[in-house]
Amino acid sequence: MSDTPPLYLLRHGQTTWNAAGRVQGQLESELSDMGRDHARRQGEILSRIDLPEGLGVYCSPQKRTRQTAELALGGLGLVPRFDDRLKEIHLGAWEGRYYADLTERDPAFFEGRSTLMLCLEGPGETLEDMRARVGAFLGDLDGPALVISHGVALTVLRGLVLGLDIEAMEGLGAEQGVIYELRDGAQIVHR
């Protein structure tokens, strides 16, 4: 999607479920202490970036992204609009379960797969579903945007913007506490 305006992407901070190894998907969980630190760090990073005029601010409506938005954007006077298309991938029967229990039940499926591949090949939404949902969001943008969302959703979004296949998307990373900037077909990571 070469005509995409500049994007500033924030993955929510670590949650209590991230720390415990639980599958979240579209279920709700709270930011951990470390997650609140991640969000505050994102606010500090944003304060150093020369954000463009007319910046749209969008956020997944899930609790962990709303908490991240409050901490990262509060001091900057930025108020997000919530968009369901930015929710995390729905993971069906896996949601709320522990990765360790799922791995024990089906070790062959989990062996050698990245978290991204597990999510996109597990129960629930597929890569095609995610591309359609996130692509519809991108198609509605009419200027630069700051987006607060989730690991898989943002990886798919970045893959669409950068024209990447699934294997290349795996190398994009899904760090918490950083800002991913997409501009002119390239990704810059602000720390």
N, C-alpha and C. Protein backbone atom coordinates (compact mmCIF):
# COMPACT_ATOMS: atom_id res chain seq x y z
N MET A 1 0.84 -1.19 0.00
CA MET A 1 0.00 0.00 0.00
C MET A 1 0.89 1.25 0.00
N SER A 2 1.42 1.57 -1.13
CA SER A 2 2.40 2.65 -1.22
C SER A 2 1.82 4.03 -0.98
N ASP A 3 0.50 4.16 -1.06
CA ASP A 3 -0.11 5.48 -0.88
C ASP A 3 -0.53 5.73 0.57
N THR A 4 -0.09 4.90 1.49
CA THR A 4 -0.46 5.04 2.89
C THR A 4 0.25 6.25 3.50
N PRO A 5 -0.48 7.09 4.23
CA PRO A 5 0.17 8.23 4.90
C PRO A 5 1.08 7.74 6.02
N PRO A 6 1.92 8.62 6.57
CA PRO A 6 2.78 8.22 7.69
C PRO A 6 1.95 7.68 8.86
N LEU A 7 2.46 6.61 9.47
CA LEU A 7 1.77 5.97 10.58
C LEU A 7 2.72 5.85 11.77
N TYR A 8 2.17 6.04 12.97
CA TYR A 8 2.89 5.88 14.22
C TYR A 8 2.13 4.83 15.02
N LEU A 9 2.77 3.70 15.26
CA LEU A 9 2.07 2.53 15.80
C LEU A 9 2.59 2.17 17.19
N LEU A 10 1.65 1.97 18.12
CA LEU A 10 1.98 1.58 19.48
C LEU A 10 1.28 0.27 19.79
N ARG A 11 2.06 -0.71 20.18
CA ARG A 11 1.46 -1.93 20.73
C ARG A 11 1.21 -1.65 22.21
N HIS A 12 0.10 -2.15 22.73
CA HIS A 12 -0.19 -1.97 24.16
C HIS A 12 0.96 -2.49 25.01
N GLY A 13 1.07 -1.98 26.23
CA GLY A 13 2.08 -2.45 27.16
C GLY A 13 1.80 -3.87 27.64
N GLN A 14 2.79 -4.46 28.27
CA GLN A 14 2.65 -5.83 28.79
C GLN A 14 1.42 -5.92 29.69
N THR A 15 0.70 -7.02 29.58
CA THR A 15 -0.46 -7.26 30.44
C THR A 15 -0.14 -8.35 31.45
N THR A 16 -1.02 -8.47 32.42
CA THR A 16 -0.86 -9.56 33.40
C THR A 16 -0.95 -10.91 32.70
N TRP A 17 -1.76 -10.98 31.64
CA TRP A 17 -1.87 -12.25 30.90
C TRP A 17 -0.64 -12.51 30.05
N ASN A 18 -0.02 -11.47 29.46
CA ASN A 18 1.25 -11.66 28.75
C ASN A 18 2.26 -12.29 29.71
N ALA A 19 2.36 -11.70 30.89
CA ALA A 19 3.34 -12.15 31.87
C ALA A 19 3.08 -13.58 32.33
N ALA A 20 1.81 -13.97 32.38
CA ALA A 20 1.44 -15.31 32.85
C ALA A 20 1.43 -16.36 31.73
N GLY A 21 1.64 -15.94 30.48
CA GLY A 21 1.62 -16.90 29.37
C GLY A 21 0.23 -17.32 28.96
N ARG A 22 -0.76 -16.44 29.15
CA ARG A 22 -2.15 -16.74 28.76
C ARG A 22 -2.47 -16.12 27.41
N VAL A 23 -3.29 -16.82 26.66
CA VAL A 23 -3.75 -16.35 25.36
C VAL A 23 -4.84 -15.30 25.59
N GLN A 24 -4.64 -14.12 25.02
CA GLN A 24 -5.62 -13.04 25.21
C GLN A 24 -6.61 -12.95 24.06
N GLY A 25 -6.13 -12.77 22.85
CA GLY A 25 -7.04 -12.54 21.74
C GLY A 25 -7.93 -11.35 22.04
N GLN A 26 -9.23 -11.56 22.00
CA GLN A 26 -10.16 -10.47 22.25
C GLN A 26 -10.72 -10.46 23.67
N LEU A 27 -10.19 -11.33 24.55
CA LEU A 27 -10.57 -11.24 25.96
C LEU A 27 -9.81 -10.08 26.62
N GLU A 28 -10.32 -9.63 27.74
CA GLU A 28 -9.75 -8.46 28.41
C GLU A 28 -8.76 -8.86 29.50
N SER A 29 -7.73 -8.03 29.64
CA SER A 29 -6.78 -8.15 30.74
C SER A 29 -6.21 -6.77 31.03
N GLU A 30 -5.59 -6.63 32.17
CA GLU A 30 -5.06 -5.34 32.65
C GLU A 30 -3.58 -5.21 32.30
N LEU A 31 -3.12 -3.98 32.18
CA LEU A 31 -1.68 -3.76 32.07
C LEU A 31 -1.02 -4.15 33.39
N SER A 32 0.15 -4.76 33.28
CA SER A 32 0.97 -5.04 34.47
C SER A 32 1.73 -3.77 34.83
N ASP A 33 2.47 -3.80 35.93
CA ASP A 33 3.32 -2.66 36.28
C ASP A 33 4.30 -2.37 35.15
N MET A 34 4.88 -3.43 34.58
CA MET A 34 5.81 -3.26 33.46
C MET A 34 5.06 -2.67 32.25
N GLY A 35 3.83 -3.09 32.04
CA GLY A 35 3.04 -2.58 30.93
C GLY A 35 2.74 -1.09 31.07
N ARG A 36 2.48 -0.66 32.30
CA ARG A 36 2.29 0.78 32.53
C ARG A 36 3.58 1.54 32.25
N ASP A 37 4.72 0.95 32.61
CA ASP A 37 6.02 1.56 32.27
C ASP A 37 6.20 1.64 30.76
N HIS A 38 5.83 0.57 30.04
CA HIS A 38 5.91 0.58 28.58
C HIS A 38 5.11 1.75 28.01
N ALA A 39 3.90 1.93 28.49
CA ALA A 39 3.02 2.98 27.97
C ALA A 39 3.58 4.37 28.29
N ARG A 40 4.08 4.55 29.48
CA ARG A 40 4.68 5.86 29.82
C ARG A 40 5.90 6.13 28.94
N ARG A 41 6.69 5.09 28.69
CA ARG A 41 7.86 5.24 27.81
C ARG A 41 7.41 5.65 26.40
N GLN A 42 6.32 5.07 25.93
CA GLN A 42 5.81 5.45 24.60
C GLN A 42 5.41 6.93 24.59
N GLY A 43 4.83 7.40 25.67
CA GLY A 43 4.50 8.82 25.77
C GLY A 43 5.74 9.69 25.69
N GLU A 44 6.81 9.28 26.37
CA GLU A 44 8.07 10.03 26.32
C GLU A 44 8.64 10.04 24.91
N ILE A 45 8.58 8.89 24.24
CA ILE A 45 9.08 8.81 22.86
C ILE A 45 8.26 9.72 21.96
N LEU A 46 6.95 9.67 22.09
CA LEU A 46 6.08 10.51 21.25
C LEU A 46 6.38 11.99 21.45
N SER A 47 6.71 12.37 22.68
CA SER A 47 6.99 13.79 22.95
C SER A 47 8.24 14.27 22.22
N ARG A 48 9.11 13.35 21.81
CA ARG A 48 10.35 13.70 21.09
C ARG A 48 10.18 13.65 19.57
N ILE A 49 9.08 13.06 19.11
CA ILE A 49 8.85 12.93 17.67
C ILE A 49 8.11 14.16 17.17
N ASP A 50 8.52 14.67 16.03
CA ASP A 50 7.82 15.80 15.42
C ASP A 50 6.62 15.25 14.66
N LEU A 51 5.51 15.12 15.37
CA LEU A 51 4.29 14.54 14.77
C LEU A 51 3.69 15.53 13.77
N PRO A 52 3.19 15.01 12.65
CA PRO A 52 2.66 15.88 11.61
C PRO A 52 1.32 16.53 11.98
N GLU A 53 1.03 17.64 11.32
CA GLU A 53 -0.26 18.31 11.48
C GLU A 53 -1.37 17.39 10.99
N GLY A 54 -2.55 17.54 11.56
CA GLY A 54 -3.70 16.76 11.10
C GLY A 54 -3.63 15.29 11.45
N LEU A 55 -2.89 14.98 12.49
CA LEU A 55 -2.71 13.58 12.90
C LEU A 55 -4.02 13.02 13.44
N GLY A 56 -4.49 11.92 12.85
CA GLY A 56 -5.62 11.19 13.40
C GLY A 56 -5.12 10.23 14.46
N VAL A 57 -5.88 10.04 15.52
CA VAL A 57 -5.46 9.15 16.61
C VAL A 57 -6.54 8.08 16.78
N TYR A 58 -6.14 6.81 16.66
CA TYR A 58 -7.08 5.70 16.68
C TYR A 58 -6.60 4.63 17.65
N CYS A 59 -7.56 3.93 18.24
CA CYS A 59 -7.22 2.95 19.26
C CYS A 59 -8.21 1.79 19.21
N SER A 60 -7.70 0.60 19.42
CA SER A 60 -8.57 -0.55 19.66
C SER A 60 -9.38 -0.26 20.92
N PRO A 61 -10.63 -0.69 20.98
CA PRO A 61 -11.44 -0.42 22.17
C PRO A 61 -11.16 -1.37 23.34
N GLN A 62 -10.21 -2.29 23.18
CA GLN A 62 -9.96 -3.24 24.26
C GLN A 62 -9.26 -2.56 25.45
N LYS A 63 -9.49 -3.12 26.62
CA LYS A 63 -9.04 -2.49 27.87
C LYS A 63 -7.54 -2.19 27.88
N ARG A 64 -6.73 -3.12 27.46
CA ARG A 64 -5.28 -2.93 27.52
C ARG A 64 -4.80 -1.81 26.60
N THR A 65 -5.48 -1.62 25.47
CA THR A 65 -5.10 -0.52 24.58
C THR A 65 -5.63 0.81 25.11
N ARG A 66 -6.81 0.80 25.71
CA ARG A 66 -7.34 2.03 26.31
C ARG A 66 -6.43 2.49 27.45
N GLN A 67 -5.97 1.54 28.28
CA GLN A 67 -5.06 1.89 29.38
C GLN A 67 -3.75 2.44 28.82
N THR A 68 -3.24 1.83 27.77
CA THR A 68 -2.01 2.32 27.13
C THR A 68 -2.21 3.73 26.60
N ALA A 69 -3.36 3.96 25.95
CA ALA A 69 -3.65 5.29 25.40
C ALA A 69 -3.67 6.35 26.50
N GLU A 70 -4.31 6.05 27.61
CA GLU A 70 -4.38 7.02 28.70
C GLU A 70 -2.99 7.43 29.17
N LEU A 71 -2.10 6.45 29.33
CA LEU A 71 -0.77 6.73 29.84
C LEU A 71 0.15 7.34 28.79
N ALA A 72 0.07 6.87 27.56
CA ALA A 72 0.98 7.35 26.51
C ALA A 72 0.55 8.69 25.93
N LEU A 73 -0.75 8.93 25.86
CA LEU A 73 -1.24 10.12 25.17
C LEU A 73 -1.69 11.23 26.10
N GLY A 74 -1.97 10.89 27.35
CA GLY A 74 -2.55 11.86 28.29
C GLY A 74 -1.80 13.16 28.39
N GLY A 75 -0.49 13.10 28.49
CA GLY A 75 0.31 14.31 28.62
C GLY A 75 0.48 15.09 27.34
N LEU A 76 0.08 14.49 26.23
CA LEU A 76 0.24 15.13 24.92
C LEU A 76 -1.04 15.78 24.43
N GLY A 77 -2.13 15.58 25.18
CA GLY A 77 -3.40 16.15 24.76
C GLY A 77 -4.02 15.46 23.56
N LEU A 78 -3.60 14.25 23.25
CA LEU A 78 -4.16 13.50 22.12
C LEU A 78 -5.27 12.59 22.63
N VAL A 79 -6.40 12.62 21.96
CA VAL A 79 -7.55 11.81 22.35
C VAL A 79 -7.88 10.87 21.20
N PRO A 80 -7.88 9.55 21.46
CA PRO A 80 -8.13 8.60 20.37
C PRO A 80 -9.60 8.39 20.06
N ARG A 81 -9.85 8.00 18.83
CA ARG A 81 -11.15 7.48 18.42
C ARG A 81 -11.01 5.96 18.44
N PHE A 82 -12.01 5.28 18.97
CA PHE A 82 -11.94 3.83 19.08
C PHE A 82 -12.51 3.18 17.83
N ASP A 83 -11.84 2.12 17.37
CA ASP A 83 -12.23 1.46 16.14
C ASP A 83 -12.12 -0.05 16.34
N ASP A 84 -13.23 -0.75 16.20
CA ASP A 84 -13.25 -2.21 16.38
C ASP A 84 -12.33 -2.95 15.43
N ARG A 85 -12.03 -2.36 14.29
CA ARG A 85 -11.16 -3.03 13.31
C ARG A 85 -9.73 -3.14 13.81
N LEU A 86 -9.40 -2.45 14.90
CA LEU A 86 -8.06 -2.50 15.48
C LEU A 86 -7.94 -3.50 16.62
N LYS A 87 -9.03 -4.23 16.91
CA LYS A 87 -8.97 -5.25 17.96
C LYS A 87 -7.96 -6.33 17.58
N GLU A 88 -7.51 -7.06 18.60
CA GLU A 88 -6.60 -8.16 18.36
C GLU A 88 -7.31 -9.30 17.63
N ILE A 89 -6.54 -10.17 17.05
CA ILE A 89 -7.08 -11.35 16.37
C ILE A 89 -7.93 -12.14 17.35
N HIS A 90 -9.06 -12.65 16.88
CA HIS A 90 -9.90 -13.51 17.70
C HIS A 90 -9.33 -14.93 17.62
N LEU A 91 -9.09 -15.54 18.78
CA LEU A 91 -8.41 -16.84 18.82
C LEU A 91 -9.30 -17.97 19.31
N GLY A 92 -10.59 -17.81 19.15
CA GLY A 92 -11.53 -18.90 19.41
C GLY A 92 -11.33 -19.57 20.75
N ALA A 93 -11.30 -20.90 20.73
CA ALA A 93 -11.24 -21.71 21.95
C ALA A 93 -9.93 -21.53 22.72
N TRP A 94 -8.92 -20.95 22.13
CA TRP A 94 -7.66 -20.73 22.84
C TRP A 94 -7.74 -19.59 23.83
N GLU A 95 -8.64 -18.65 23.64
CA GLU A 95 -8.66 -17.44 24.47
C GLU A 95 -8.87 -17.78 25.94
N GLY A 96 -8.01 -17.21 26.78
CA GLY A 96 -8.06 -17.44 28.21
C GLY A 96 -7.25 -18.64 28.66
N ARG A 97 -6.81 -19.46 27.73
CA ARG A 97 -6.03 -20.65 28.08
C ARG A 97 -4.55 -20.29 28.19
N TYR A 98 -3.78 -21.18 28.81
CA TYR A 98 -2.35 -20.98 28.93
C TYR A 98 -1.64 -21.63 27.75
N TYR A 99 -0.66 -20.91 27.19
CA TYR A 99 0.11 -21.48 26.08
C TYR A 99 0.73 -22.82 26.46
N ALA A 100 1.21 -22.94 27.69
CA ALA A 100 1.84 -24.18 28.13
C ALA A 100 0.86 -25.35 28.07
N ASP A 101 -0.38 -25.13 28.47
CA ASP A 101 -1.39 -26.21 28.42
C ASP A 101 -1.72 -26.58 26.97
N LEU A 102 -1.83 -25.57 26.12
CA LEU A 102 -2.13 -25.84 24.70
C LEU A 102 -0.97 -26.59 24.04
N THR A 103 0.25 -26.22 24.38
CA THR A 103 1.43 -26.88 23.82
C THR A 103 1.50 -28.33 24.29
N GLU A 104 1.18 -28.56 25.55
CA GLU A 104 1.21 -29.93 26.09
C GLU A 104 0.17 -30.81 25.38
N ARG A 105 -0.96 -30.23 25.06
CA ARG A 105 -2.04 -30.97 24.40
C ARG A 105 -1.73 -31.30 22.95
N ASP A 106 -0.99 -30.42 22.25
CA ASP A 106 -0.70 -30.61 20.83
C ASP A 106 0.71 -30.13 20.51
N PRO A 107 1.74 -30.83 21.02
CA PRO A 107 3.11 -30.37 20.85
C PRO A 107 3.55 -30.25 19.39
N ALA A 108 3.05 -31.11 18.53
CA ALA A 108 3.46 -31.07 17.12
C ALA A 108 3.02 -29.75 16.46
N PHE A 109 1.83 -29.27 16.80
CA PHE A 109 1.34 -28.02 16.20
C PHE A 109 2.17 -26.83 16.68
N PHE A 110 2.54 -26.80 17.95
CA PHE A 110 3.22 -25.65 18.54
C PHE A 110 4.72 -25.63 18.26
N GLU A 111 5.31 -26.80 18.01
CA GLU A 111 6.76 -26.88 17.83
C GLU A 111 7.23 -26.10 16.61
N GLY A 112 8.18 -25.19 16.85
CA GLY A 112 8.81 -24.45 15.76
C GLY A 112 7.99 -23.31 15.17
N ARG A 113 6.82 -23.04 15.69
CA ARG A 113 6.00 -21.95 15.16
C ARG A 113 6.16 -20.71 16.03
N SER A 114 6.26 -19.57 15.37
CA SER A 114 6.30 -18.30 16.08
C SER A 114 4.92 -18.00 16.64
N THR A 115 4.86 -17.06 17.58
CA THR A 115 3.56 -16.64 18.12
C THR A 115 2.66 -16.13 17.00
N LEU A 116 3.23 -15.37 16.07
CA LEU A 116 2.44 -14.87 14.94
C LEU A 116 1.83 -16.01 14.15
N MET A 117 2.63 -17.01 13.80
CA MET A 117 2.12 -18.14 13.01
C MET A 117 1.10 -18.96 13.80
N LEU A 118 1.34 -19.15 15.10
CA LEU A 118 0.37 -19.87 15.91
C LEU A 118 -0.98 -19.18 15.88
N CYS A 119 -0.96 -17.86 16.04
CA CYS A 119 -2.22 -17.11 16.08
C CYS A 119 -2.93 -17.15 14.73
N LEU A 120 -2.18 -17.00 13.65
CA LEU A 120 -2.80 -16.95 12.33
C LEU A 120 -3.22 -18.33 11.82
N GLU A 121 -2.67 -19.39 12.39
CA GLU A 121 -3.03 -20.75 11.97
C GLU A 121 -3.87 -21.48 13.02
N GLY A 122 -4.14 -20.82 14.15
CA GLY A 122 -4.94 -21.42 15.22
C GLY A 122 -6.42 -21.24 14.96
N PRO A 123 -7.23 -21.54 15.98
CA PRO A 123 -8.68 -21.39 15.82
C PRO A 123 -9.05 -19.91 15.82
N GLY A 124 -10.07 -19.56 15.10
CA GLY A 124 -10.50 -18.16 15.08
C GLY A 124 -10.19 -17.51 13.75
N GLU A 125 -9.86 -16.22 13.82
CA GLU A 125 -9.61 -15.46 12.59
C GLU A 125 -8.37 -15.96 11.86
N THR A 126 -8.40 -15.84 10.54
CA THR A 126 -7.28 -16.25 9.69
C THR A 126 -6.51 -15.02 9.23
N LEU A 127 -5.40 -15.25 8.55
CA LEU A 127 -4.63 -14.16 7.97
C LEU A 127 -5.51 -13.36 7.01
N GLU A 128 -6.31 -14.05 6.21
CA GLU A 128 -7.18 -13.36 5.26
C GLU A 128 -8.21 -12.49 5.99
N ASP A 129 -8.77 -13.02 7.09
CA ASP A 129 -9.71 -12.23 7.90
C ASP A 129 -9.04 -10.96 8.42
N MET A 130 -7.83 -11.12 8.94
CA MET A 130 -7.12 -9.98 9.52
C MET A 130 -6.74 -8.96 8.45
N ARG A 131 -6.30 -9.45 7.29
CA ARG A 131 -5.96 -8.53 6.20
C ARG A 131 -7.18 -7.73 5.78
N ALA A 132 -8.34 -8.37 5.72
CA ALA A 132 -9.56 -7.66 5.32
C ALA A 132 -9.95 -6.63 6.36
N ARG A 133 -9.91 -7.00 7.63
CA ARG A 133 -10.33 -6.10 8.71
C ARG A 133 -9.40 -4.91 8.84
N VAL A 134 -8.10 -5.20 8.93
CA VAL A 134 -7.12 -4.13 9.11
C VAL A 134 -6.98 -3.32 7.81
N GLY A 135 -7.10 -4.00 6.68
CA GLY A 135 -7.03 -3.30 5.39
C GLY A 135 -8.16 -2.31 5.23
N ALA A 136 -9.35 -2.65 5.72
CA ALA A 136 -10.48 -1.72 5.66
C ALA A 136 -10.19 -0.47 6.49
N PHE A 137 -9.57 -0.65 7.65
CA PHE A 137 -9.16 0.50 8.46
C PHE A 137 -8.19 1.38 7.68
N LEU A 138 -7.14 0.76 7.12
CA LEU A 138 -6.14 1.53 6.37
C LEU A 138 -6.78 2.26 5.20
N GLY A 139 -7.73 1.61 4.53
CA GLY A 139 -8.38 2.22 3.38
C GLY A 139 -9.18 3.46 3.73
N ASP A 140 -9.59 3.58 4.97
CA ASP A 140 -10.37 4.75 5.40
C ASP A 140 -9.50 5.92 5.86
N LEU A 141 -8.20 5.71 6.00
CA LEU A 141 -7.33 6.80 6.46
C LEU A 141 -7.17 7.84 5.35
N ASP A 142 -7.24 9.11 5.75
CA ASP A 142 -7.06 10.18 4.77
C ASP A 142 -5.93 11.13 5.16
N GLY A 143 -5.12 10.71 6.10
CA GLY A 143 -3.98 11.51 6.53
C GLY A 143 -3.14 10.73 7.52
N PRO A 144 -2.08 11.34 8.05
CA PRO A 144 -1.21 10.65 9.00
C PRO A 144 -1.99 10.20 10.23
N ALA A 145 -1.55 9.08 10.81
CA ALA A 145 -2.31 8.52 11.93
C ALA A 145 -1.39 7.91 12.98
N LEU A 146 -1.83 8.01 14.21
CA LEU A 146 -1.24 7.32 15.34
C LEU A 146 -2.23 6.24 15.73
N VAL A 147 -1.74 5.01 15.85
CA VAL A 147 -2.62 3.85 16.07
C VAL A 147 -2.12 3.06 17.28
N ILE A 148 -3.04 2.78 18.21
CA ILE A 148 -2.71 1.92 19.35
C ILE A 148 -3.51 0.64 19.19
N SER A 149 -2.77 -0.47 19.09
CA SER A 149 -3.45 -1.75 18.84
C SER A 149 -2.65 -2.88 19.51
N HIS A 150 -2.60 -4.02 18.86
CA HIS A 150 -2.11 -5.27 19.44
C HIS A 150 -1.03 -5.90 18.57
N GLY A 151 -0.34 -6.88 19.13
CA GLY A 151 0.77 -7.52 18.45
C GLY A 151 0.46 -8.08 17.08
N VAL A 152 -0.52 -8.97 16.99
CA VAL A 152 -0.84 -9.58 15.70
C VAL A 152 -1.49 -8.56 14.77
N ALA A 153 -2.43 -7.79 15.27
CA ALA A 153 -3.12 -6.81 14.43
C ALA A 153 -2.12 -5.82 13.82
N LEU A 154 -1.18 -5.33 14.62
CA LEU A 154 -0.20 -4.37 14.10
C LEU A 154 0.80 -5.02 13.17
N THR A 155 1.13 -6.28 13.39
CA THR A 155 2.04 -6.97 12.47
C THR A 155 1.39 -7.13 11.11
N VAL A 156 0.12 -7.51 11.09
CA VAL A 156 -0.60 -7.62 9.82
C VAL A 156 -0.72 -6.25 9.15
N LEU A 157 -1.03 -5.22 9.93
CA LEU A 157 -1.12 -3.86 9.39
C LEU A 157 0.21 -3.46 8.74
N ARG A 158 1.31 -3.68 9.45
CA ARG A 158 2.62 -3.32 8.90
C ARG A 158 2.93 -4.13 7.66
N GLY A 159 2.55 -5.41 7.68
CA GLY A 159 2.76 -6.24 6.50
C GLY A 159 2.01 -5.72 5.28
N LEU A 160 0.78 -5.27 5.49
CA LEU A 160 0.00 -4.70 4.38
C LEU A 160 0.66 -3.44 3.84
N VAL A 161 1.02 -2.54 4.74
CA VAL A 161 1.61 -1.25 4.32
C VAL A 161 2.94 -1.47 3.60
N LEU A 162 3.75 -2.40 4.11
CA LEU A 162 5.08 -2.62 3.55
C LEU A 162 5.09 -3.65 2.42
N GLY A 163 3.93 -4.24 2.12
CA GLY A 163 3.85 -5.21 1.03
C GLY A 163 4.57 -6.51 1.31
N LEU A 164 4.48 -7.01 2.53
CA LEU A 164 5.21 -8.21 2.95
C LEU A 164 4.34 -9.45 2.95
N ASP A 165 4.98 -10.60 2.68
CA ASP A 165 4.28 -11.87 2.85
C ASP A 165 4.42 -12.30 4.30
N ILE A 166 3.76 -13.39 4.64
CA ILE A 166 3.70 -13.83 6.04
C ILE A 166 5.09 -14.12 6.61
N GLU A 167 5.99 -14.71 5.82
CA GLU A 167 7.33 -15.01 6.32
C GLU A 167 8.08 -13.73 6.66
N ALA A 168 7.96 -12.71 5.82
CA ALA A 168 8.63 -11.44 6.09
C ALA A 168 8.00 -10.73 7.29
N MET A 169 6.69 -10.89 7.48
CA MET A 169 6.03 -10.26 8.63
C MET A 169 6.59 -10.79 9.95
N GLU A 170 7.00 -12.04 9.96
CA GLU A 170 7.54 -12.63 11.19
C GLU A 170 8.78 -11.89 11.68
N GLY A 171 9.52 -11.25 10.78
CA GLY A 171 10.73 -10.55 11.16
C GLY A 171 10.52 -9.11 11.60
N LEU A 172 9.27 -8.64 11.63
CA LEU A 172 9.00 -7.24 11.96
C LEU A 172 9.11 -6.93 13.45
N GLY A 173 8.97 -7.94 14.30
CA GLY A 173 8.98 -7.71 15.74
C GLY A 173 7.63 -7.22 16.23
N ALA A 174 7.41 -7.35 17.52
CA ALA A 174 6.16 -6.90 18.15
C ALA A 174 6.48 -6.38 19.55
N GLU A 175 7.47 -5.50 19.63
CA GLU A 175 7.92 -4.99 20.93
C GLU A 175 6.87 -4.12 21.59
N GLN A 176 6.92 -4.13 22.89
CA GLN A 176 6.11 -3.23 23.70
C GLN A 176 7.03 -2.12 24.20
N GLY A 177 6.47 -0.92 24.34
CA GLY A 177 7.26 0.19 24.85
C GLY A 177 8.03 0.96 23.79
N VAL A 178 7.77 0.69 22.51
CA VAL A 178 8.42 1.41 21.41
C VAL A 178 7.35 2.00 20.51
N ILE A 179 7.78 2.83 19.55
CA ILE A 179 6.89 3.36 18.52
C ILE A 179 7.42 2.88 17.18
N TYR A 180 6.55 2.26 16.40
CA TYR A 180 6.90 1.88 15.03
C TYR A 180 6.38 2.98 14.12
N GLU A 181 7.27 3.57 13.34
CA GLU A 181 6.87 4.58 12.35
C GLU A 181 6.98 3.96 10.97
N LEU A 182 5.91 4.07 10.20
CA LEU A 182 5.92 3.62 8.81
C LEU A 182 5.83 4.86 7.93
N ARG A 183 6.83 5.00 7.06
CA ARG A 183 6.88 6.18 6.20
C ARG A 183 7.66 5.81 4.93
N ASP A 184 7.10 6.18 3.79
CA ASP A 184 7.77 5.97 2.50
C ASP A 184 8.23 4.53 2.31
N GLY A 185 7.40 3.57 2.69
CA GLY A 185 7.70 2.16 2.47
C GLY A 185 8.73 1.55 3.39
N ALA A 186 9.06 2.24 4.48
CA ALA A 186 10.05 1.70 5.41
C ALA A 186 9.54 1.81 6.85
N GLN A 187 10.09 0.99 7.72
CA GLN A 187 9.76 1.00 9.13
C GLN A 187 10.93 1.56 9.94
N ILE A 188 10.64 2.49 10.83
CA ILE A 188 11.61 3.03 11.77
C ILE A 188 11.09 2.68 13.16
N VAL A 189 11.99 2.19 14.02
CA VAL A 189 11.60 1.86 15.40
C VAL A 189 12.19 2.94 16.31
N HIS A 190 11.31 3.65 17.02
CA HIS A 190 11.74 4.68 17.97
C HIS A 190 11.76 4.07 19.37
N ARG A 191 12.90 4.22 20.04
CA ARG A 191 13.06 3.68 21.39
C ARG A 191 13.30 4.79 22.38
